[in-house]
């Protein structure tokens, strides 16, 4: 560190007790997405916060810098500063921010004068305690149900900072609940969690499956699934987890099977949760998307044939898995074909079960989480 950089760092440390400025730092991964995006969008469209605060997005690098989001002017700063100007700007906004709003790559408070709201990355299906314990000090953590409070107490949260407001990203799902009207195709999205982490070798299981996905064991079976999709005028969108090591995946390019990764969504200029409202059914496994998708009241299937091996690394939140997740389970290609048929013909067998699950895992289903959070921050912290 140069002499000038040392002086700058010492300057910011010396101002720890100075009044914070009207700056809000936002974080999400992927950038400009997830719970943070939806809260930002609410603030931009429904409040005067944009006129009173400098809105700053914290990114890992400067490749995705932008000047506007949701029609509102923003600034971007980077964790990986390349020069003195970037470092000074990063320290200034980060240090003097009055509020920090994050949901994934933790943004720790610099001092006690800041208020940090952790919007969360998902309610626990699997337990990733090592990751969650790194969350750090915050002034509010949003959850979807008091059912999960015991887990968050393990993370040093308290009744004071746990806010059972719901998840911001679920507002759009709640407002689109029910079967899609006038649909031309049946859209099924498959969202597996990662089984082989792209970075951490400690976070992976040995079994990668022949094609990188459970249920479908060969290219011949995948072709059969494609034929079934065509028969029922359905499309299967496979969305690999952002952390998944894609080198193990070997999915054919077929007419009715589409890889809906981040690049696909970016090309369509659509947020993931906007895209979910245009789907008619979900396939997942140990992912928190299960809880969120319940808001839509549409068919869900779980592909958990490797649960014993998976739970050796990531224990399940509920030890009796099937007793606590009442929906369809997929183990074979024939199971998947049947789920496609049920979804396309509106004959899903577990619809009543999912409605009960929705109200079990969500104490609020009114689509007003962002409003609740804003009103809380305004009343208690002067946002």
Foldseek 3Di string as FASTA:
>chain_A
DDPVVVVLVVVLVVCQPPAAAQEEEEEDVVPCAFLRVLLVLCCVPPHCSLVRHAYEYEEQDCPPFDQDDNRGGHGYAHPDDDDPVNVSVVSNRQSRHQEYEYEAPANEHPHDNHAYEHLYDFQFQWDPPVRLLPNYDHQAYEFFDPVRVVVVVVSVDDPRRYDNLHGSLLLVLLVLADADPPDPAAEEEEEEAAQCFQPDNLRHFPDCAQQSDAAQRDVVLVVVLLVLRVVLRYAYEYEYHPRHDCVNHHDDDDDRYHHCYPVNCVVVVHHPSRVLSVHQEYEYARDSVLLSNLSRLHAYEYECPPVVRNCVSTPGPDNPNCVLRPHHYHHHSVSVSVVSVCSSVVNGPCSVVSNVNNVVRGVDSNSCSSVVVVVCCCVPPVD
